[in-house]
Amino acid sequence: MKRMLPAILLPALLVLLSPTTAQAQLKPAAAPTATRAVRLPPPSRSHADDNSQAAANARLQERLRQPALHSEPAARPKPLSKPQARPVYDGKGRALQGMQQAGPDRVLDTRTGRYHRTVPSGDGQRIVD
């Protein structure tokens, strides 16, 4: 029986002491400003800054008045050319006038206001319906 007492007593002591040792290992929380520096807002501008700003503006105006290094004007891109309207044919192969491309494989008959489905045919498009 004497041997059993230490075997029972030791785990009981460990259970009782474990919360105390766990709390002893925790460190107190640091202050929020301890990890990063405190930044203050910049001081307000003085009149000396206004004078230096005016001098900088005057220098910039002088530079803008001077002629540019290149005497030729800047190159301009060419405007995009519109694609040529492809002729539209009816089901029998006759050319139709007044048709406008409305999208891929679609044309608008400007006289009636109807849209027609088309398929590519030779140099133009042929109306299917």
Foldseek 3Di string as FASTA:
>chain_A
DVVVVVVVVVVVVCVVCVVVVVVVPDDDDDDPCVVDDDDDDDDDDDVVVVVVVVVVVVVVVVVVPDDDPDPDDDDDDDDDDDDDAFFEAEPVGHTDPQWADPDVQWIARVVVRDIFGWDDDDRHIYTDD
